[in-house]
């Protein structure tokens, strides 16, 4: 098999406090990586910002992508740009910048160390099926994560494995250079239901 699969259920995720609220680490690579020591290649997390204004942790050498899940946030990067984000809008910036946020939100975070590239997208499942093909291309390794933000979804991998994602669950597919054309299909768990999936793609 040229891919590996890991399911991280909501009940297995660890939430911790920070100065502006609380954060939940969904996944980190390598798995024995340590965010507090900045020892990781990539990290996926969610956060609840519970104060009106906060200053982001200084993370030089880390590229960051933040997507708003609930609420609105103004991000101000000193000497760079500023952006007002609504749900499912995102901003990409350097973790070494001085960044201030205004607004109470729930957000989704991707951190990328040097040598990694990645992006986020939203998949809204409304009585339909979402199909895609994962191809590793020129990268030596690729990881794709699917986070069930709302609802409940059924995921099929190459029509061989089927996974049910409950709200808050995350599934990660790690693909090596031998894997070509891995077929992914997402569908609503029930015909009259809907679900929202946040997809992360990382190349390294």
N, C-alpha and C. Protein backbone atom coordinates (compact mmCIF):
# COMPACT_ATOMS: atom_id res chain seq x y z
N UNK A 1 0.85 -1.19 0.00
CA UNK A 1 0.00 0.00 0.00
C UNK A 1 0.89 1.24 0.00
N UNK A 2 0.61 2.17 -0.87
CA UNK A 2 1.45 3.35 -1.01
C UNK A 2 0.87 4.56 -0.26
N UNK A 3 -0.06 4.29 0.65
CA UNK A 3 -0.56 5.36 1.51
C UNK A 3 -0.87 4.78 2.89
N UNK A 4 -0.89 5.65 3.87
CA UNK A 4 -1.28 5.25 5.22
C UNK A 4 -2.42 6.14 5.68
N UNK A 5 -3.20 5.64 6.59
CA UNK A 5 -4.41 6.31 7.03
C UNK A 5 -4.42 6.41 8.55
N UNK A 6 -4.82 7.58 9.04
CA UNK A 6 -4.97 7.74 10.49
C UNK A 6 -6.23 8.53 10.76
N UNK A 7 -7.03 8.04 11.70
CA UNK A 7 -8.25 8.73 12.11
C UNK A 7 -8.04 9.25 13.53
N UNK A 8 -8.28 10.54 13.70
CA UNK A 8 -8.17 11.15 15.02
C UNK A 8 -9.55 11.65 15.42
N UNK A 9 -10.19 10.91 16.30
CA UNK A 9 -11.54 11.25 16.72
C UNK A 9 -11.52 12.47 17.64
N UNK A 10 -12.63 13.15 17.70
CA UNK A 10 -12.72 14.35 18.53
C UNK A 10 -12.36 14.05 19.98
N UNK A 11 -12.76 12.89 20.47
CA UNK A 11 -12.51 12.51 21.86
C UNK A 11 -11.03 12.30 22.16
N UNK A 12 -10.21 12.12 21.12
CA UNK A 12 -8.78 11.88 21.30
C UNK A 12 -7.95 13.16 21.24
N UNK A 13 -8.57 14.25 20.87
CA UNK A 13 -7.84 15.50 20.68
C UNK A 13 -7.64 16.22 22.01
N UNK A 14 -6.51 16.91 22.13
CA UNK A 14 -6.15 17.56 23.38
C UNK A 14 -6.31 19.07 23.23
N UNK A 15 -7.07 19.66 24.14
CA UNK A 15 -7.28 21.11 24.15
C UNK A 15 -6.48 21.73 25.29
N UNK A 16 -5.82 22.83 24.97
CA UNK A 16 -5.04 23.54 25.99
C UNK A 16 -5.37 25.03 25.97
N UNK A 17 -5.01 25.71 27.03
CA UNK A 17 -5.30 27.14 27.15
C UNK A 17 -4.13 27.96 26.65
N UNK A 18 -4.44 29.11 26.07
CA UNK A 18 -3.42 30.10 25.73
C UNK A 18 -3.94 31.47 26.18
N UNK A 19 -3.14 32.51 26.02
CA UNK A 19 -3.49 33.81 26.60
C UNK A 19 -4.80 34.38 26.07
N UNK A 20 -5.20 33.98 24.84
CA UNK A 20 -6.41 34.54 24.26
C UNK A 20 -7.60 33.61 24.22
N UNK A 21 -7.46 32.39 24.77
CA UNK A 21 -8.58 31.46 24.73
C UNK A 21 -8.10 30.03 24.86
N UNK A 22 -8.55 29.16 23.96
CA UNK A 22 -8.12 27.77 24.01
C UNK A 22 -7.85 27.26 22.59
N UNK A 23 -6.97 26.27 22.50
CA UNK A 23 -6.60 25.71 21.21
C UNK A 23 -6.60 24.19 21.29
N UNK A 24 -6.93 23.55 20.17
CA UNK A 24 -6.95 22.09 20.08
C UNK A 24 -6.00 21.65 18.97
N UNK A 25 -4.99 20.91 19.33
CA UNK A 25 -4.09 20.36 18.32
C UNK A 25 -4.76 19.15 17.68
N UNK A 26 -4.97 19.22 16.37
CA UNK A 26 -5.59 18.12 15.64
C UNK A 26 -4.56 17.11 15.16
N UNK A 27 -3.41 17.61 14.68
CA UNK A 27 -2.36 16.73 14.18
C UNK A 27 -1.04 17.49 14.12
N UNK A 28 0.05 16.76 14.28
CA UNK A 28 1.39 17.33 14.15
C UNK A 28 2.28 16.30 13.48
N UNK A 29 3.22 16.78 12.67
CA UNK A 29 4.15 15.87 11.99
C UNK A 29 5.58 16.38 12.17
N UNK A 30 6.50 15.47 12.55
CA UNK A 30 6.24 14.07 12.88
C UNK A 30 5.39 13.93 14.15
N UNK A 31 4.86 12.73 14.36
CA UNK A 31 3.90 12.55 15.45
C UNK A 31 4.52 12.80 16.83
N UNK A 32 5.84 12.69 16.93
CA UNK A 32 6.49 12.99 18.21
C UNK A 32 7.01 14.43 18.22
N UNK A 33 6.55 15.24 17.26
CA UNK A 33 6.92 16.65 17.24
C UNK A 33 6.39 17.38 18.46
N UNK A 34 7.00 18.49 18.78
CA UNK A 34 6.64 19.25 19.99
C UNK A 34 6.46 20.71 19.61
N UNK A 35 5.20 21.16 19.62
CA UNK A 35 4.93 22.55 19.24
C UNK A 35 5.62 23.53 20.18
N UNK A 36 5.64 23.23 21.48
CA UNK A 36 6.22 24.14 22.45
C UNK A 36 7.71 24.38 22.20
N UNK A 37 8.37 23.40 21.58
CA UNK A 37 9.79 23.52 21.24
C UNK A 37 9.99 23.93 19.78
N UNK A 38 8.86 24.18 19.07
CA UNK A 38 8.89 24.53 17.64
C UNK A 38 9.56 23.42 16.83
N UNK A 39 9.39 22.19 17.29
CA UNK A 39 10.01 21.03 16.66
C UNK A 39 8.96 20.25 15.87
N UNK A 40 8.66 20.71 14.66
CA UNK A 40 7.67 20.04 13.82
C UNK A 40 7.85 20.48 12.37
N UNK A 41 7.34 19.66 11.47
CA UNK A 41 7.31 20.02 10.04
C UNK A 41 6.02 20.74 9.71
N UNK A 42 4.91 20.21 10.23
CA UNK A 42 3.62 20.89 10.05
C UNK A 42 2.71 20.57 11.22
N UNK A 43 1.73 21.46 11.42
CA UNK A 43 0.80 21.31 12.54
C UNK A 43 -0.57 21.83 12.11
N UNK A 44 -1.61 21.09 12.50
CA UNK A 44 -2.99 21.47 12.22
C UNK A 44 -3.70 21.64 13.56
N UNK A 45 -4.42 22.75 13.71
CA UNK A 45 -5.11 22.99 14.98
C UNK A 45 -6.34 23.86 14.76
N UNK A 46 -7.18 23.92 15.78
CA UNK A 46 -8.27 24.89 15.82
C UNK A 46 -8.07 25.74 17.07
N UNK A 47 -8.68 26.92 17.08
CA UNK A 47 -8.56 27.79 18.25
C UNK A 47 -9.84 28.57 18.45
N UNK A 48 -10.18 28.79 19.71
CA UNK A 48 -11.25 29.71 20.09
C UNK A 48 -10.60 30.96 20.65
N UNK A 49 -10.79 32.07 19.96
CA UNK A 49 -10.27 33.35 20.43
C UNK A 49 -11.36 33.99 21.29
N UNK A 50 -11.10 34.14 22.58
CA UNK A 50 -12.13 34.56 23.53
C UNK A 50 -11.90 35.96 24.07
N UNK A 51 -10.97 36.70 23.47
CA UNK A 51 -10.73 38.10 23.86
C UNK A 51 -10.92 38.97 22.62
N UNK A 52 -11.19 40.24 22.84
CA UNK A 52 -11.46 41.13 21.71
C UNK A 52 -10.22 41.39 20.87
N UNK A 53 -9.07 41.48 21.52
CA UNK A 53 -7.82 41.73 20.80
C UNK A 53 -6.74 40.80 21.34
N UNK A 54 -5.89 40.29 20.45
CA UNK A 54 -4.79 39.45 20.90
C UNK A 54 -3.61 39.60 19.95
N UNK A 55 -2.42 39.31 20.47
CA UNK A 55 -1.19 39.36 19.68
C UNK A 55 -0.75 37.93 19.41
N UNK A 56 -0.50 37.61 18.15
CA UNK A 56 -0.14 36.25 17.79
C UNK A 56 1.24 35.88 18.33
N UNK A 57 1.41 34.61 18.66
CA UNK A 57 2.71 34.08 19.06
C UNK A 57 3.71 34.28 17.93
N UNK A 58 4.91 34.73 18.28
CA UNK A 58 5.96 34.96 17.28
C UNK A 58 6.53 33.61 16.86
N UNK A 59 6.42 33.28 15.57
CA UNK A 59 6.87 31.99 15.05
C UNK A 59 7.75 32.19 13.82
N UNK A 60 8.96 32.70 13.99
CA UNK A 60 9.85 32.90 12.83
C UNK A 60 10.16 31.57 12.14
N UNK A 61 10.20 31.61 10.81
CA UNK A 61 10.49 30.40 10.04
C UNK A 61 9.28 29.53 9.78
N UNK A 62 8.11 29.94 10.26
CA UNK A 62 6.88 29.17 10.07
C UNK A 62 5.90 29.96 9.19
N UNK A 63 5.44 29.34 8.13
CA UNK A 63 4.37 29.93 7.33
C UNK A 63 3.03 29.52 7.94
N UNK A 64 2.09 30.47 7.99
CA UNK A 64 0.81 30.20 8.62
C UNK A 64 -0.35 30.47 7.67
N UNK A 65 -1.37 29.64 7.77
CA UNK A 65 -2.63 29.88 7.08
C UNK A 65 -3.74 29.77 8.12
N UNK A 66 -4.57 30.80 8.20
CA UNK A 66 -5.68 30.80 9.15
C UNK A 66 -6.99 30.93 8.37
N UNK A 67 -7.94 30.08 8.70
CA UNK A 67 -9.29 30.15 8.13
C UNK A 67 -10.28 30.35 9.26
N UNK A 68 -11.20 31.27 9.07
CA UNK A 68 -12.23 31.50 10.08
C UNK A 68 -13.34 30.45 9.92
N UNK A 69 -13.73 29.84 11.04
CA UNK A 69 -14.83 28.88 11.03
C UNK A 69 -16.12 29.52 11.53
N UNK A 70 -16.00 30.40 12.51
CA UNK A 70 -17.18 31.05 13.08
C UNK A 70 -16.78 32.43 13.59
N UNK A 71 -17.58 33.45 13.27
CA UNK A 71 -17.28 34.81 13.69
C UNK A 71 -16.55 35.59 12.60
N UNK A 72 -16.03 36.75 12.97
CA UNK A 72 -15.27 37.60 12.06
C UNK A 72 -14.02 38.09 12.76
N UNK A 73 -12.94 38.24 11.99
CA UNK A 73 -11.67 38.67 12.57
C UNK A 73 -10.95 39.64 11.64
N UNK A 74 -10.38 40.66 12.24
CA UNK A 74 -9.49 41.56 11.52
C UNK A 74 -8.06 41.18 11.89
N UNK A 75 -7.25 40.84 10.88
CA UNK A 75 -5.84 40.54 11.10
C UNK A 75 -5.01 41.72 10.60
N UNK A 76 -4.14 42.22 11.48
CA UNK A 76 -3.27 43.33 11.13
C UNK A 76 -1.82 42.88 11.27
N UNK A 77 -1.12 42.81 10.12
CA UNK A 77 0.29 42.42 10.10
C UNK A 77 1.12 43.70 10.01
N UNK A 78 1.83 44.03 11.07
CA UNK A 78 2.55 45.30 11.15
C UNK A 78 3.52 45.47 9.98
N UNK A 79 3.35 46.57 9.25
CA UNK A 79 4.22 46.86 8.13
C UNK A 79 3.94 46.03 6.89
N UNK A 80 2.91 45.20 6.94
CA UNK A 80 2.59 44.31 5.81
C UNK A 80 1.18 44.62 5.31
N UNK A 81 0.25 43.68 5.52
CA UNK A 81 -1.11 43.90 5.06
C UNK A 81 -2.10 43.67 6.20
N UNK A 82 -3.34 44.03 5.96
CA UNK A 82 -4.41 43.76 6.91
C UNK A 82 -5.58 43.18 6.12
N UNK A 83 -6.37 42.36 6.80
CA UNK A 83 -7.48 41.70 6.11
C UNK A 83 -8.60 41.42 7.11
N UNK A 84 -9.84 41.60 6.66
CA UNK A 84 -11.02 41.30 7.47
C UNK A 84 -11.58 39.98 6.97
N UNK A 85 -11.59 38.98 7.83
CA UNK A 85 -11.99 37.63 7.44
C UNK A 85 -13.37 37.27 7.97
N UNK A 86 -14.19 36.69 7.09
CA UNK A 86 -15.49 36.14 7.43
C UNK A 86 -15.39 34.61 7.39
N UNK A 87 -16.43 33.88 7.83
CA UNK A 87 -16.36 32.42 7.83
C UNK A 87 -15.92 31.84 6.49
N UNK A 88 -14.94 30.94 6.58
CA UNK A 88 -14.35 30.18 5.48
C UNK A 88 -13.44 31.01 4.59
N UNK A 89 -13.18 32.26 4.98
CA UNK A 89 -12.14 33.05 4.31
C UNK A 89 -10.83 32.81 5.05
N UNK A 90 -9.70 32.99 4.35
CA UNK A 90 -8.42 32.66 4.94
C UNK A 90 -7.35 33.69 4.59
N UNK A 91 -6.28 33.66 5.38
CA UNK A 91 -5.14 34.54 5.18
C UNK A 91 -3.87 33.72 5.37
N UNK A 92 -2.88 34.00 4.51
CA UNK A 92 -1.58 33.32 4.58
C UNK A 92 -0.53 34.36 4.95
N UNK A 93 0.32 34.05 5.94
CA UNK A 93 1.30 35.03 6.38
C UNK A 93 2.48 34.35 7.06
N UNK A 94 3.52 35.13 7.27
CA UNK A 94 4.74 34.65 7.89
C UNK A 94 4.59 34.72 9.41
N UNK A 95 4.88 33.62 10.08
CA UNK A 95 4.75 33.58 11.53
C UNK A 95 5.73 34.49 12.25
N UNK A 96 6.74 34.97 11.53
CA UNK A 96 7.69 35.89 12.12
C UNK A 96 7.21 37.33 12.14
N UNK A 97 6.10 37.61 11.44
CA UNK A 97 5.56 38.96 11.43
C UNK A 97 4.92 39.27 12.79
N UNK A 98 4.78 40.56 13.08
CA UNK A 98 4.02 40.98 14.25
C UNK A 98 2.56 41.10 13.83
N UNK A 99 1.73 40.22 14.37
CA UNK A 99 0.34 40.11 13.93
C UNK A 99 -0.61 40.28 15.11
N UNK A 100 -1.56 41.18 14.93
CA UNK A 100 -2.59 41.43 15.93
C UNK A 100 -3.94 41.02 15.35
N UNK A 101 -4.78 40.40 16.17
CA UNK A 101 -6.12 40.03 15.73
C UNK A 101 -7.15 40.80 16.55
N UNK A 102 -8.24 41.16 15.90
CA UNK A 102 -9.36 41.82 16.55
C UNK A 102 -10.62 41.04 16.21
N UNK A 103 -11.32 40.56 17.23
CA UNK A 103 -12.54 39.80 17.01
C UNK A 103 -12.49 38.45 17.70
N UNK A 104 -13.65 38.02 18.18
CA UNK A 104 -13.78 36.71 18.83
C UNK A 104 -14.27 35.70 17.81
N UNK A 105 -13.47 34.67 17.59
CA UNK A 105 -13.76 33.71 16.52
C UNK A 105 -13.38 32.30 16.93
N UNK A 106 -13.82 31.35 16.11
CA UNK A 106 -13.24 30.01 16.07
C UNK A 106 -12.51 29.93 14.75
N UNK A 107 -11.24 29.52 14.79
CA UNK A 107 -10.49 29.45 13.54
C UNK A 107 -9.77 28.13 13.38
N UNK A 108 -9.32 27.90 12.15
CA UNK A 108 -8.61 26.67 11.76
C UNK A 108 -7.22 27.09 11.31
N UNK A 109 -6.19 26.40 11.79
CA UNK A 109 -4.81 26.83 11.58
C UNK A 109 -3.95 25.75 10.95
N UNK A 110 -3.15 26.17 9.98
CA UNK A 110 -2.12 25.30 9.41
C UNK A 110 -0.79 26.01 9.55
N UNK A 111 0.19 25.32 10.15
CA UNK A 111 1.54 25.85 10.29
C UNK A 111 2.48 24.97 9.48
N UNK A 112 3.37 25.63 8.72
CA UNK A 112 4.27 24.92 7.82
C UNK A 112 5.71 25.37 8.06
N UNK A 113 6.58 24.44 8.40
CA UNK A 113 7.99 24.76 8.56
C UNK A 113 8.67 24.78 7.19
N UNK A 114 9.92 25.19 7.17
CA UNK A 114 10.67 25.27 5.92
C UNK A 114 10.69 23.91 5.22
N UNK A 115 10.50 23.91 3.92
CA UNK A 115 10.47 22.67 3.14
C UNK A 115 9.09 22.11 2.92
N UNK A 116 8.08 22.75 3.52
CA UNK A 116 6.69 22.29 3.36
C UNK A 116 5.87 23.37 2.63
N UNK A 117 4.96 22.92 1.81
CA UNK A 117 3.98 23.79 1.19
C UNK A 117 2.61 23.23 1.46
N UNK A 118 1.59 24.09 1.52
CA UNK A 118 0.26 23.58 1.80
C UNK A 118 -0.82 24.59 1.53
N UNK A 119 -2.06 24.12 1.57
CA UNK A 119 -3.20 25.00 1.40
C UNK A 119 -4.43 24.41 2.06
N UNK A 120 -5.45 25.26 2.23
CA UNK A 120 -6.72 24.89 2.84
C UNK A 120 -7.84 25.14 1.85
N UNK A 121 -8.90 24.33 1.91
CA UNK A 121 -10.11 24.61 1.15
C UNK A 121 -11.31 24.07 1.92
N UNK A 122 -12.49 24.55 1.56
CA UNK A 122 -13.72 24.15 2.22
C UNK A 122 -14.57 23.33 1.27
N UNK A 123 -15.11 22.22 1.76
CA UNK A 123 -16.01 21.38 0.97
C UNK A 123 -17.36 21.38 1.67
N UNK A 124 -18.36 21.97 1.03
CA UNK A 124 -19.71 21.99 1.59
C UNK A 124 -20.52 20.86 0.95
N UNK A 125 -20.96 19.94 1.77
CA UNK A 125 -21.74 18.79 1.29
C UNK A 125 -23.22 19.06 1.53
N UNK A 126 -23.94 19.31 0.45
CA UNK A 126 -25.38 19.56 0.53
C UNK A 126 -26.11 18.60 -0.40
N UNK A 127 -26.47 17.44 0.14
CA UNK A 127 -27.18 16.43 -0.65
C UNK A 127 -26.46 16.07 -1.94
N UNK A 128 -25.15 15.92 -1.85
CA UNK A 128 -24.39 15.58 -3.04
C UNK A 128 -23.17 14.76 -2.71
N UNK A 129 -22.34 14.53 -3.73
CA UNK A 129 -21.11 13.77 -3.59
C UNK A 129 -19.94 14.61 -4.10
N UNK A 130 -18.88 14.64 -3.34
CA UNK A 130 -17.66 15.33 -3.75
C UNK A 130 -16.61 14.27 -4.07
N UNK A 131 -16.11 14.30 -5.29
CA UNK A 131 -15.08 13.34 -5.71
C UNK A 131 -13.81 14.08 -6.10
N UNK A 132 -12.67 13.51 -5.77
CA UNK A 132 -11.40 14.09 -6.19
C UNK A 132 -10.35 12.99 -6.28
N UNK A 133 -9.28 13.31 -6.99
CA UNK A 133 -8.17 12.38 -7.17
C UNK A 133 -6.92 13.00 -6.59
N UNK A 134 -6.26 12.28 -5.69
CA UNK A 134 -5.02 12.75 -5.09
C UNK A 134 -3.85 12.14 -5.84
N UNK A 135 -2.94 13.00 -6.29
CA UNK A 135 -1.74 12.56 -7.01
C UNK A 135 -0.55 13.25 -6.39
N UNK A 136 0.47 12.50 -6.06
CA UNK A 136 1.60 13.07 -5.35
C UNK A 136 2.44 14.00 -6.21
N UNK A 137 2.35 13.89 -7.52
CA UNK A 137 3.09 14.78 -8.40
C UNK A 137 4.58 14.67 -8.20
N UNK A 138 5.24 15.82 -8.03
CA UNK A 138 6.70 15.85 -7.92
C UNK A 138 7.20 15.76 -6.48
N UNK A 139 6.29 15.83 -5.50
CA UNK A 139 6.72 15.81 -4.10
C UNK A 139 7.09 14.40 -3.67
N UNK A 140 8.00 14.32 -2.70
CA UNK A 140 8.38 13.00 -2.18
C UNK A 140 7.29 12.46 -1.26
N UNK A 141 6.53 13.37 -0.63
CA UNK A 141 5.47 12.94 0.27
C UNK A 141 4.35 13.97 0.26
N UNK A 142 3.14 13.48 0.47
CA UNK A 142 1.96 14.35 0.52
C UNK A 142 1.06 13.86 1.64
N UNK A 143 0.51 14.80 2.39
CA UNK A 143 -0.49 14.48 3.41
C UNK A 143 -1.74 15.31 3.16
N UNK A 144 -2.89 14.65 3.20
CA UNK A 144 -4.17 15.34 3.05
C UNK A 144 -5.01 15.02 4.28
N UNK A 145 -5.52 16.08 4.91
CA UNK A 145 -6.34 15.91 6.10
C UNK A 145 -7.74 16.43 5.82
N UNK A 146 -8.74 15.73 6.34
CA UNK A 146 -10.14 16.10 6.18
C UNK A 146 -10.75 16.25 7.57
N UNK A 147 -11.15 17.48 7.90
CA UNK A 147 -11.70 17.79 9.21
C UNK A 147 -13.18 18.05 9.07
N UNK A 148 -13.98 17.27 9.80
CA UNK A 148 -15.44 17.44 9.74
C UNK A 148 -15.84 18.54 10.73
N UNK A 149 -16.07 19.73 10.19
CA UNK A 149 -16.42 20.87 11.03
C UNK A 149 -17.88 20.83 11.45
N UNK A 150 -18.75 20.47 10.53
CA UNK A 150 -20.18 20.39 10.84
C UNK A 150 -20.79 19.16 10.18
N UNK A 151 -21.78 18.60 10.86
CA UNK A 151 -22.51 17.48 10.28
C UNK A 151 -21.77 16.15 10.42
N UNK A 152 -22.06 15.27 9.48
CA UNK A 152 -21.53 13.92 9.48
C UNK A 152 -21.35 13.49 8.04
N UNK A 153 -20.22 12.86 7.72
CA UNK A 153 -19.91 12.54 6.33
C UNK A 153 -19.35 11.13 6.21
N UNK A 154 -19.56 10.55 5.05
CA UNK A 154 -18.99 9.24 4.73
C UNK A 154 -17.88 9.44 3.70
N UNK A 155 -16.73 8.85 3.96
CA UNK A 155 -15.56 8.99 3.09
C UNK A 155 -15.14 7.64 2.54
N UNK A 156 -14.97 7.58 1.22
CA UNK A 156 -14.54 6.34 0.56
C UNK A 156 -13.17 6.57 -0.06
N UNK A 157 -12.25 5.61 0.14
CA UNK A 157 -10.90 5.71 -0.40
C UNK A 157 -10.70 4.57 -1.39
N UNK A 158 -10.57 4.94 -2.66
CA UNK A 158 -10.37 3.95 -3.74
C UNK A 158 -11.43 2.84 -3.73
N UNK A 159 -12.60 3.16 -3.18
CA UNK A 159 -13.70 2.20 -3.08
C UNK A 159 -13.31 0.94 -2.32
N UNK A 160 -12.27 1.05 -1.47
CA UNK A 160 -11.80 -0.09 -0.68
C UNK A 160 -12.06 0.12 0.81
N UNK A 161 -11.89 1.35 1.26
CA UNK A 161 -12.09 1.67 2.67
C UNK A 161 -13.16 2.74 2.79
N UNK A 162 -14.01 2.59 3.78
CA UNK A 162 -15.04 3.59 4.05
C UNK A 162 -14.96 4.02 5.51
N UNK A 163 -14.99 5.33 5.71
CA UNK A 163 -14.86 5.91 7.04
C UNK A 163 -16.04 6.85 7.27
N UNK A 164 -16.60 6.82 8.46
CA UNK A 164 -17.64 7.77 8.83
C UNK A 164 -17.01 8.84 9.72
N UNK A 165 -17.13 10.10 9.29
CA UNK A 165 -16.58 11.22 10.04
C UNK A 165 -17.69 11.92 10.79
N UNK A 166 -17.58 11.93 12.12
CA UNK A 166 -18.49 12.68 12.96
C UNK A 166 -17.95 14.11 13.10
N UNK A 167 -18.80 15.00 13.58
CA UNK A 167 -18.37 16.38 13.78
C UNK A 167 -17.18 16.44 14.73
N UNK A 168 -16.11 17.11 14.28
CA UNK A 168 -14.90 17.24 15.08
C UNK A 168 -13.83 16.20 14.78
N UNK A 169 -14.15 15.18 14.00
CA UNK A 169 -13.18 14.14 13.65
C UNK A 169 -12.25 14.62 12.54
N UNK A 170 -11.05 14.04 12.51
CA UNK A 170 -10.06 14.34 11.48
C UNK A 170 -9.51 13.03 10.92
N UNK A 171 -9.37 12.95 9.61
CA UNK A 171 -8.70 11.80 8.99
C UNK A 171 -7.53 12.32 8.18
N UNK A 172 -6.40 11.64 8.27
CA UNK A 172 -5.19 12.03 7.55
C UNK A 172 -4.76 10.90 6.62
N UNK A 173 -4.51 11.25 5.37
CA UNK A 173 -3.95 10.33 4.39
C UNK A 173 -2.52 10.75 4.09
N UNK A 174 -1.57 9.86 4.34
CA UNK A 174 -0.18 10.12 4.01
C UNK A 174 0.17 9.31 2.77
N UNK A 175 0.64 10.00 1.74
CA UNK A 175 0.87 9.39 0.43
C UNK A 175 2.34 9.50 0.08
N UNK A 176 2.96 8.39 -0.33
CA UNK A 176 4.37 8.45 -0.72
C UNK A 176 4.50 8.62 -2.23
N UNK A 177 5.74 8.65 -2.71
CA UNK A 177 5.99 8.96 -4.12
C UNK A 177 5.52 7.87 -5.07
N UNK A 178 5.18 6.70 -4.55
CA UNK A 178 4.71 5.61 -5.41
C UNK A 178 3.21 5.66 -5.67
N UNK A 179 2.51 6.51 -4.91
CA UNK A 179 1.06 6.54 -5.01
C UNK A 179 0.61 7.45 -6.14
N UNK A 180 -0.18 6.91 -7.04
CA UNK A 180 -0.73 7.69 -8.15
C UNK A 180 -2.24 7.51 -8.18
N UNK A 181 -2.93 8.64 -8.32
CA UNK A 181 -4.37 8.62 -8.54
C UNK A 181 -5.15 7.87 -7.47
N UNK A 182 -5.09 8.41 -6.27
CA UNK A 182 -5.88 7.88 -5.15
C UNK A 182 -7.25 8.55 -5.19
N UNK A 183 -8.30 7.76 -5.36
CA UNK A 183 -9.65 8.28 -5.54
C UNK A 183 -10.36 8.47 -4.20
N UNK A 184 -10.81 9.69 -3.96
CA UNK A 184 -11.49 10.03 -2.72
C UNK A 184 -12.92 10.45 -3.05
N UNK A 185 -13.87 9.93 -2.27
CA UNK A 185 -15.26 10.31 -2.46
C UNK A 185 -15.86 10.65 -1.09
N UNK A 186 -16.45 11.85 -1.00
CA UNK A 186 -17.13 12.28 0.22
C UNK A 186 -18.62 12.41 -0.07
N UNK A 187 -19.44 11.96 0.86
CA UNK A 187 -20.89 12.07 0.69
C UNK A 187 -21.54 12.35 2.02
N UNK A 188 -22.76 12.86 1.99
CA UNK A 188 -23.53 13.06 3.21
C UNK A 188 -23.83 11.71 3.83
N UNK A 189 -23.85 11.69 5.16
CA UNK A 189 -24.13 10.43 5.84
C UNK A 189 -25.57 9.98 5.60
N UNK A 190 -26.47 10.95 5.54
CA UNK A 190 -27.88 10.67 5.24
C UNK A 190 -28.32 11.57 4.10
N UNK A 191 -29.33 11.12 3.36
CA UNK A 191 -29.74 11.84 2.15
C UNK A 191 -30.15 13.28 2.40
N UNK A 192 -30.77 13.53 3.54
CA UNK A 192 -31.30 14.87 3.80
C UNK A 192 -30.39 15.70 4.71
N UNK A 193 -29.14 15.24 4.90
CA UNK A 193 -28.23 15.94 5.80
C UNK A 193 -27.23 16.79 5.01
N UNK A 194 -26.47 17.58 5.74
CA UNK A 194 -25.41 18.37 5.13
C UNK A 194 -24.18 18.31 6.03
N UNK A 195 -23.02 18.60 5.45
CA UNK A 195 -21.78 18.57 6.22
C UNK A 195 -20.81 19.58 5.62
N UNK A 196 -19.91 20.07 6.46
CA UNK A 196 -18.86 20.96 6.01
C UNK A 196 -17.52 20.35 6.39
N UNK A 197 -16.67 20.16 5.39
CA UNK A 197 -15.35 19.56 5.57
C UNK A 197 -14.28 20.60 5.25
N UNK A 198 -13.29 20.72 6.14
CA UNK A 198 -12.11 21.55 5.86
C UNK A 198 -11.00 20.59 5.41
N UNK A 199 -10.51 20.84 4.20
CA UNK A 199 -9.46 19.97 3.66
C UNK A 199 -8.11 20.67 3.69
N UNK A 200 -7.11 19.94 4.14
CA UNK A 200 -5.73 20.43 4.19
C UNK A 200 -4.88 19.58 3.25
N UNK A 201 -4.08 20.21 2.41
CA UNK A 201 -3.14 19.49 1.55
C UNK A 201 -1.74 20.02 1.84
N UNK A 202 -0.81 19.09 2.12
CA UNK A 202 0.56 19.46 2.48
C UNK A 202 1.52 18.65 1.61
N UNK A 203 2.51 19.34 1.04
CA UNK A 203 3.54 18.70 0.20
C UNK A 203 4.90 18.95 0.83
N UNK A 204 5.71 17.88 0.96
CA UNK A 204 7.01 18.04 1.62
C UNK A 204 7.95 16.91 1.23
